[in-house]
Amino acid sequence: MADTKTDEAKISIKVLIDKVKKRVVYAEADHSFVDILFSFMSLHLGTVVKVLRKHPDATFEALGRLNNLYQRLKDFPERYFATEECKSMLLNPRSLSYDHCKNLKLKTDDTEPVNHFFGGGLIKPHSCNSNVCVVVGGGVFVSDVATFIITDVFSVLPYSATSLFGILTDLGINDTGHLEEKTLDLSSKQVALI
């Protein structure tokens, strides 16, 4: 019988740690981690509340971070997404219960109905804001050809020397001698606590 603790799927990220201030300066990750991070925006509020209730001490901090993540996602360059529709889907997620909710007496959100067109005997969604989204390449939401930098306030940037220099400058880090790089292997439970 396999040991579930060692067989659990993990995702690796590199973190740059300021040993003096004892904090993470930034994390470096591939598309897999950024896809997971951005997928938080597709969670329904009920799911978010359920997860946060398990960790009540982190609730307010997490809500602030989700708000910041949403803004960063909104500002994130479209060229780094697998498709334009993936960004739209994350910013405007559809509930599987939309068909039931559209019959409510009062409309509770600004979700527009899915537009369909007929062609060749098939019904196809007009946009990716439905349950169907075709992605080309290995990434789910972002392109699999890039590496990204994630800051402690969920700024997500394409990896570049300019991005690294900007982060270090913004944090007032002039001496890199007290910085240490570590590789972390995160489980799904650890990622959920982000």
C-alpha atoms as a PDB file:
ATOM      1  CA  MET A   1       0.000   0.000   0.000  1.00  0.00           C
ATOM      2  CA  ALA A   2       1.384   3.396  -1.011  1.00  0.00           C
ATOM      3  CA  ASP A   3       2.126   6.090   1.522  1.00  0.00           C
ATOM      4  CA  THR A   4      -0.369   8.845   0.683  1.00  0.00           C
ATOM      5  CA  LYS A   5       1.841  11.552   2.162  1.00  0.00           C
ATOM      6  CA  THR A   6       4.699  10.812  -0.233  1.00  0.00           C
ATOM      7  CA  ASP A   7       2.450  10.045  -3.216  1.00  0.00           C
ATOM      8  CA  GLU A   8       0.482  13.298  -2.984  1.00  0.00           C
ATOM      9  CA  ALA A   9       0.888  15.557  -6.012  1.00  0.00           C
ATOM     10  CA  LYS A  10       3.024  18.626  -5.379  1.00  0.00           C
ATOM     11  CA  ILE A  11       4.031  21.700  -7.323  1.00  0.00           C
ATOM     12  CA  SER A  12       7.479  23.274  -7.087  1.00  0.00           C
ATOM     13  CA  ILE A  13       8.173  26.981  -6.828  1.00  0.00           C
ATOM     14  CA  LYS A  14      11.369  28.887  -6.109  1.00  0.00           C
ATOM     15  CA  VAL A  15      11.195  31.592  -3.482  1.00  0.00           C
ATOM     16  CA  LEU A  16      13.643  34.390  -2.778  1.00  0.00           C
ATOM     17  CA  ILE A  17      13.797  35.018   0.959  1.00  0.00           C
ATOM     18  CA  ASP A  18      15.069  38.123   2.723  1.00  0.00           C
ATOM     19  CA  LYS A  19      16.886  36.524   5.689  1.00  0.00           C
ATOM     20  CA  VAL A  20      17.147  39.841   7.562  1.00  0.00           C
ATOM     21  CA  LYS A  21      13.462  40.826   7.336  1.00  0.00           C
ATOM     22  CA  LYS A  22      12.367  37.154   7.397  1.00  0.00           C
ATOM     23  CA  ARG A  23       9.958  37.420   4.491  1.00  0.00           C
ATOM     24  CA  VAL A  24       9.501  36.145   0.979  1.00  0.00           C
ATOM     25  CA  VAL A  25      10.563  38.732  -1.605  1.00  0.00           C
ATOM     26  CA  TYR A  26       8.963  36.881  -4.516  1.00  0.00           C
ATOM     27  CA  ALA A  27       8.235  33.431  -5.866  1.00  0.00           C
ATOM     28  CA  GLU A  28       9.248  32.166  -9.281  1.00  0.00           C
ATOM     29  CA  ALA A  29       6.934  29.615 -10.854  1.00  0.00           C
ATOM     30  CA  ASP A  30       5.915  28.124 -14.147  1.00  0.00           C
ATOM     31  CA  HIS A  31       2.473  28.209 -15.722  1.00  0.00           C
ATOM     32  CA  SER A  32       1.162  25.378 -13.524  1.00  0.00           C
ATOM     33  CA  PHE A  33       1.325  27.429 -10.330  1.00  0.00           C
ATOM     34  CA  VAL A  34      -0.012  30.599 -11.982  1.00  0.00           C
ATOM     35  CA  ASP A  35      -2.889  28.558 -13.449  1.00  0.00           C
ATOM     36  CA  ILE A  36      -3.731  27.363  -9.920  1.00  0.00           C
ATOM     37  CA  LEU A  37      -3.439  30.890  -8.541  1.00  0.00           C
ATOM     38  CA  PHE A  38      -5.669  32.339 -11.263  1.00  0.00           C
ATOM     39  CA  SER A  39      -8.136  29.449 -10.873  1.00  0.00           C
ATOM     40  CA  PHE A  40      -9.024  30.881  -7.459  1.00  0.00           C
ATOM     41  CA  MET A  41     -10.989  33.491  -9.412  1.00  0.00           C
ATOM     42  CA  SER A  42     -13.197  30.758 -10.881  1.00  0.00           C
ATOM     43  CA  LEU A  43     -14.270  29.527  -7.449  1.00  0.00           C
ATOM     44  CA  HIS A  44     -17.794  30.331  -6.391  1.00  0.00           C
ATOM     45  CA  LEU A  45     -18.211  32.534  -3.352  1.00  0.00           C
ATOM     46  CA  GLY A  46     -19.659  29.596  -1.436  1.00  0.00           C
ATOM     47  CA  THR A  47     -16.492  27.614  -2.079  1.00  0.00           C
ATOM     48  CA  VAL A  48     -14.333  30.540  -0.994  1.00  0.00           C
ATOM     49  CA  VAL A  49     -16.315  30.965   2.218  1.00  0.00           C
ATOM     50  CA  LYS A  50     -16.139  27.230   2.924  1.00  0.00           C
ATOM     51  CA  VAL A  51     -12.353  27.216   2.541  1.00  0.00           C
ATOM     52  CA  LEU A  52     -11.889  30.392   4.603  1.00  0.00           C
ATOM     53  CA  ARG A  53     -14.086  29.056   7.425  1.00  0.00           C
ATOM     54  CA  LYS A  54     -11.521  26.290   7.930  1.00  0.00           C
ATOM     55  CA  HIS A  55      -8.909  28.974   8.620  1.00  0.00           C
ATOM     56  CA  PRO A  56     -10.759  31.827  10.399  1.00  0.00           C
ATOM     57  CA  ASP A  57      -7.575  33.601  11.467  1.00  0.00           C
ATOM     58  CA  ALA A  58      -6.609  34.114   7.805  1.00  0.00           C
ATOM     59  CA  THR A  59     -10.062  35.195   6.572  1.00  0.00           C
ATOM     60  CA  PHE A  60      -9.592  38.948   6.352  1.00  0.00           C
ATOM     61  CA  GLU A  61      -6.075  38.725   4.965  1.00  0.00           C
ATOM     62  CA  ALA A  62      -7.206  36.190   2.368  1.00  0.00           C
ATOM     63  CA  LEU A  63     -10.153  38.326   1.237  1.00  0.00           C
ATOM     64  CA  GLY A  64      -7.831  41.287   0.732  1.00  0.00           C
ATOM     65  CA  ARG A  65      -5.469  39.121  -1.253  1.00  0.00           C
ATOM     66  CA  LEU A  66      -8.281  37.775  -3.418  1.00  0.00           C
ATOM     67  CA  ASN A  67      -9.316  41.328  -4.195  1.00  0.00           C
ATOM     68  CA  ASN A  68      -5.723  42.158  -5.101  1.00  0.00           C
ATOM     69  CA  LEU A  69      -5.437  38.975  -7.189  1.00  0.00           C
ATOM     70  CA  TYR A  70      -8.559  39.968  -9.131  1.00  0.00           C
ATOM     71  CA  GLN A  71      -7.107  43.399  -9.936  1.00  0.00           C
ATOM     72  CA  ARG A  72      -3.754  41.906 -10.951  1.00  0.00           C
ATOM     73  CA  LEU A  73      -5.532  39.379 -13.158  1.00  0.00           C
ATOM     74  CA  LYS A  74      -7.531  42.192 -14.761  1.00  0.00           C
ATOM     75  CA  ASP A  75      -4.303  44.103 -15.500  1.00  0.00           C
ATOM     76  CA  PHE A  76      -2.371  41.007 -16.648  1.00  0.00           C
ATOM     77  CA  PRO A  77      -1.307  41.176 -20.340  1.00  0.00           C
ATOM     78  CA  GLU A  78      -3.547  39.087 -22.609  1.00  0.00           C
ATOM     79  CA  ARG A  79      -0.593  37.793 -24.620  1.00  0.00           C
ATOM     80  CA  TYR A  80       0.380  35.541 -21.694  1.00  0.00           C
ATOM     81  CA  PHE A  81      -2.964  33.728 -21.621  1.00  0.00           C
ATOM     82  CA  ALA A  82      -3.520  30.572 -23.631  1.00  0.00           C
ATOM     83  CA  THR A  83      -6.524  32.337 -25.227  1.00  0.00           C
ATOM     84  CA  GLU A  84      -8.272  35.703 -24.735  1.00  0.00           C
ATOM     85  CA  GLU A  85     -11.337  33.811 -23.550  1.00  0.00           C
ATOM     86  CA  CYS A  86      -9.413  32.289 -20.638  1.00  0.00           C
ATOM     87  CA  LYS A  87      -8.848  35.731 -19.115  1.00  0.00           C
ATOM     88  CA  SER A  88     -12.505  36.596 -19.632  1.00  0.00           C
ATOM     89  CA  MET A  89     -13.579  33.308 -18.055  1.00  0.00           C
ATOM     90  CA  LEU A  90     -11.495  34.012 -14.939  1.00  0.00           C
ATOM     91  CA  LEU A  91     -12.736  37.583 -14.567  1.00  0.00           C
ATOM     92  CA  ASN A  92     -16.369  36.624 -15.226  1.00  0.00           C
ATOM     93  CA  PRO A  93     -16.811  33.013 -14.062  1.00  0.00           C
ATOM     94  CA  ARG A  94     -20.070  31.237 -14.835  1.00  0.00           C
ATOM     95  CA  SER A  95     -21.898  29.206 -12.262  1.00  0.00           C
ATOM     96  CA  LEU A  96     -23.039  25.733 -13.228  1.00  0.00           C
ATOM     97  CA  SER A  97     -26.331  26.676 -11.615  1.00  0.00           C
ATOM     98  CA  TYR A  98     -26.818  29.694 -13.910  1.00  0.00           C
ATOM     99  CA  ASP A  99     -29.752  28.064 -15.706  1.00  0.00           C
ATOM    100  CA  HIS A 100     -31.573  27.732 -12.391  1.00  0.00           C
ATOM    101  CA  CYS A 101     -30.572  31.183 -11.123  1.00  0.00           C
ATOM    102  CA  LYS A 102     -31.793  32.994 -14.238  1.00  0.00           C
ATOM    103  CA  ASN A 103     -35.336  32.247 -13.040  1.00  0.00           C
ATOM    104  CA  LEU A 104     -34.922  34.152  -9.776  1.00  0.00           C
ATOM    105  CA  LYS A 105     -37.389  36.959  -9.285  1.00  0.00           C
ATOM    106  CA  LEU A 106     -34.555  39.455  -8.758  1.00  0.00           C
ATOM    107  CA  LYS A 107     -31.379  39.242 -10.773  1.00  0.00           C
ATOM    108  CA  THR A 108     -28.519  38.935  -8.297  1.00  0.00           C
ATOM    109  CA  ASP A 109     -25.595  39.589 -10.640  1.00  0.00           C
ATOM    110  CA  ASP A 110     -24.728  41.084 -13.996  1.00  0.00           C
ATOM    111  CA  THR A 111     -24.123  37.781 -15.770  1.00  0.00           C
ATOM    112  CA  GLU A 112     -25.325  37.855 -19.338  1.00  0.00           C
ATOM    113  CA  PRO A 113     -26.969  34.781 -20.834  1.00  0.00           C
ATOM    114  CA  VAL A 114     -24.767  32.562 -22.989  1.00  0.00           C
ATOM    115  CA  ASN A 115     -25.280  33.272 -26.674  1.00  0.00           C
ATOM    116  CA  HIS A 116     -25.392  30.252 -28.965  1.00  0.00           C
ATOM    117  CA  PHE A 117     -25.303  29.951 -32.692  1.00  0.00           C
ATOM    118  CA  PHE A 118     -26.258  27.039 -34.876  1.00  0.00           C
ATOM    119  CA  GLY A 119     -23.994  25.750 -37.594  1.00  0.00           C
ATOM    120  CA  GLY A 120     -23.548  22.300 -39.029  1.00  0.00           C
ATOM    121  CA  GLY A 121     -26.106  20.907 -36.622  1.00  0.00           C
ATOM    122  CA  LEU A 122     -24.000  21.833 -33.578  1.00  0.00           C
ATOM    123  CA  ILE A 123     -24.639  24.275 -30.780  1.00  0.00           C
ATOM    124  CA  LYS A 124     -21.466  26.134 -29.896  1.00  0.00           C
ATOM    125  CA  PRO A 125     -20.929  28.620 -27.083  1.00  0.00           C
ATOM    126  CA  HIS A 126     -20.309  32.174 -28.263  1.00  0.00           C
ATOM    127  CA  SER A 127     -17.575  32.762 -25.706  1.00  0.00           C
ATOM    128  CA  CYS A 128     -15.451  30.916 -23.186  1.00  0.00           C
ATOM    129  CA  ASN A 129     -17.622  32.185 -20.327  1.00  0.00           C
ATOM    130  CA  SER A 130     -19.506  28.934 -20.529  1.00  0.00           C
ATOM    131  CA  ASN A 131     -18.712  25.423 -19.431  1.00  0.00           C
ATOM    132  CA  VAL A 132     -16.680  24.768 -22.582  1.00  0.00           C
ATOM    133  CA  CYS A 133     -13.276  26.289 -23.273  1.00  0.00           C
ATOM    134  CA  VAL A 134     -10.729  24.901 -25.698  1.00  0.00           C
ATOM    135  CA  VAL A 135      -7.142  25.679 -24.798  1.00  0.00           C
ATOM    136  CA  VAL A 136      -4.201  25.178 -27.103  1.00  0.00           C
ATOM    137  CA  GLY A 137      -0.911  24.256 -25.443  1.00  0.00           C
ATOM    138  CA  GLY A 138      -0.051  22.930 -22.003  1.00  0.00           C
ATOM    139  CA  GLY A 139      -1.386  25.737 -19.808  1.00  0.00           C
ATOM    140  CA  VAL A 140      -4.906  25.947 -18.441  1.00  0.00           C
ATOM    141  CA  PHE A 141      -5.260  29.726 -18.231  1.00  0.00           C
ATOM    142  CA  VAL A 142      -1.818  31.098 -19.057  1.00  0.00           C
ATOM    143  CA  SER A 143       0.638  30.181 -21.772  1.00  0.00           C
ATOM    144  CA  ASP A 144       2.949  27.303 -20.929  1.00  0.00           C
ATOM    145  CA  VAL A 145       5.939  29.016 -22.554  1.00  0.00           C
ATOM    146  CA  ALA A 146       6.597  31.532 -19.794  1.00  0.00           C
ATOM    147  CA  THR A 147       7.909  31.636 -16.251  1.00  0.00           C
ATOM    148  CA  PHE A 148       6.298  34.077 -13.853  1.00  0.00           C
ATOM    149  CA  ILE A 149       7.149  36.059 -10.731  1.00  0.00           C
ATOM    150  CA  ILE A 150       4.570  36.285  -7.946  1.00  0.00           C
ATOM    151  CA  THR A 151       4.931  38.813  -5.116  1.00  0.00           C
ATOM    152  CA  ASP A 152       3.486  38.580  -1.620  1.00  0.00           C
ATOM    153  CA  VAL A 153       0.607  40.856  -2.686  1.00  0.00           C
ATOM    154  CA  PHE A 154      -0.208  38.634  -5.699  1.00  0.00           C
ATOM    155  CA  SER A 155       1.351  40.759  -8.391  1.00  0.00           C
ATOM    156  CA  VAL A 156       1.948  38.275 -11.206  1.00  0.00           C
ATOM    157  CA  LEU A 157       4.531  39.336 -13.766  1.00  0.00           C
ATOM    158  CA  PRO A 158       6.267  37.588 -16.649  1.00  0.00           C
ATOM    159  CA  TYR A 159       9.794  36.663 -15.546  1.00  0.00           C
ATOM    160  CA  SER A 160      12.350  39.194 -16.747  1.00  0.00           C
ATOM    161  CA  ALA A 161      15.358  41.087 -15.433  1.00  0.00           C
ATOM    162  CA  THR A 162      13.256  44.258 -15.528  1.00  0.00           C
ATOM    163  CA  SER A 163      10.557  42.668 -13.341  1.00  0.00           C
ATOM    164  CA  LEU A 164      13.131  41.382 -10.846  1.00  0.00           C
ATOM    165  CA  PHE A 165      14.894  44.737 -10.638  1.00  0.00           C
ATOM    166  CA  GLY A 166      11.559  46.535 -10.201  1.00  0.00           C
ATOM    167  CA  ILE A 167      10.527  44.305  -7.300  1.00  0.00           C
ATOM    168  CA  LEU A 168      13.876  44.685  -5.537  1.00  0.00           C
ATOM    169  CA  THR A 169      13.781  48.460  -6.069  1.00  0.00           C
ATOM    170  CA  ASP A 170      10.179  48.753  -4.807  1.00  0.00           C
ATOM    171  CA  LEU A 171      11.140  46.855  -1.656  1.00  0.00           C
ATOM    172  CA  GLY A 172      14.247  48.984  -1.109  1.00  0.00           C
ATOM    173  CA  ILE A 173      16.600  46.013  -1.458  1.00  0.00           C
ATOM    174  CA  ASN A 174      20.029  47.224  -2.556  1.00  0.00           C
ATOM    175  CA  ASP A 175      22.174  44.484  -1.017  1.00  0.00           C
ATOM    176  CA  THR A 176      21.336  41.019  -2.328  1.00  0.00           C
ATOM    177  CA  GLY A 177      23.835  39.359   0.027  1.00  0.00           C
ATOM    178  CA  HIS A 178      21.110  38.641   2.601  1.00  0.00           C
ATOM    179  CA  LEU A 179      18.782  37.025   0.065  1.00  0.00           C
ATOM    180  CA  GLU A 180      18.456  33.262  -0.146  1.00  0.00           C
ATOM    181  CA  GLU A 181      16.773  31.147  -2.831  1.00  0.00           C
ATOM    182  CA  LYS A 182      14.853  28.023  -1.812  1.00  0.00           C
ATOM    183  CA  THR A 183      12.755  25.543  -3.737  1.00  0.00           C
ATOM    184  CA  LEU A 184       9.456  24.594  -2.117  1.00  0.00           C
ATOM    185  CA  ASP A 185       7.282  21.628  -3.013  1.00  0.00           C
ATOM    186  CA  LEU A 186       3.704  22.610  -2.172  1.00  0.00           C
ATOM    187  CA  SER A 187       0.781  20.256  -1.631  1.00  0.00           C
ATOM    188  CA  SER A 188      -2.781  21.149  -2.571  1.00  0.00           C
ATOM    189  CA  LYS A 189      -3.514  21.899   1.109  1.00  0.00           C
ATOM    190  CA  GLN A 190      -0.577  24.318   1.290  1.00  0.00           C
ATOM    191  CA  VAL A 191      -1.653  26.056  -1.929  1.00  0.00           C
ATOM    192  CA  ALA A 192      -5.206  26.434  -0.554  1.00  0.00           C
ATOM    193  CA  LEU A 193      -3.795  28.365   2.414  1.00  0.00           C
ATOM    194  CA  ILE A 194      -2.211  30.971   0.149  1.00  0.00           C
END
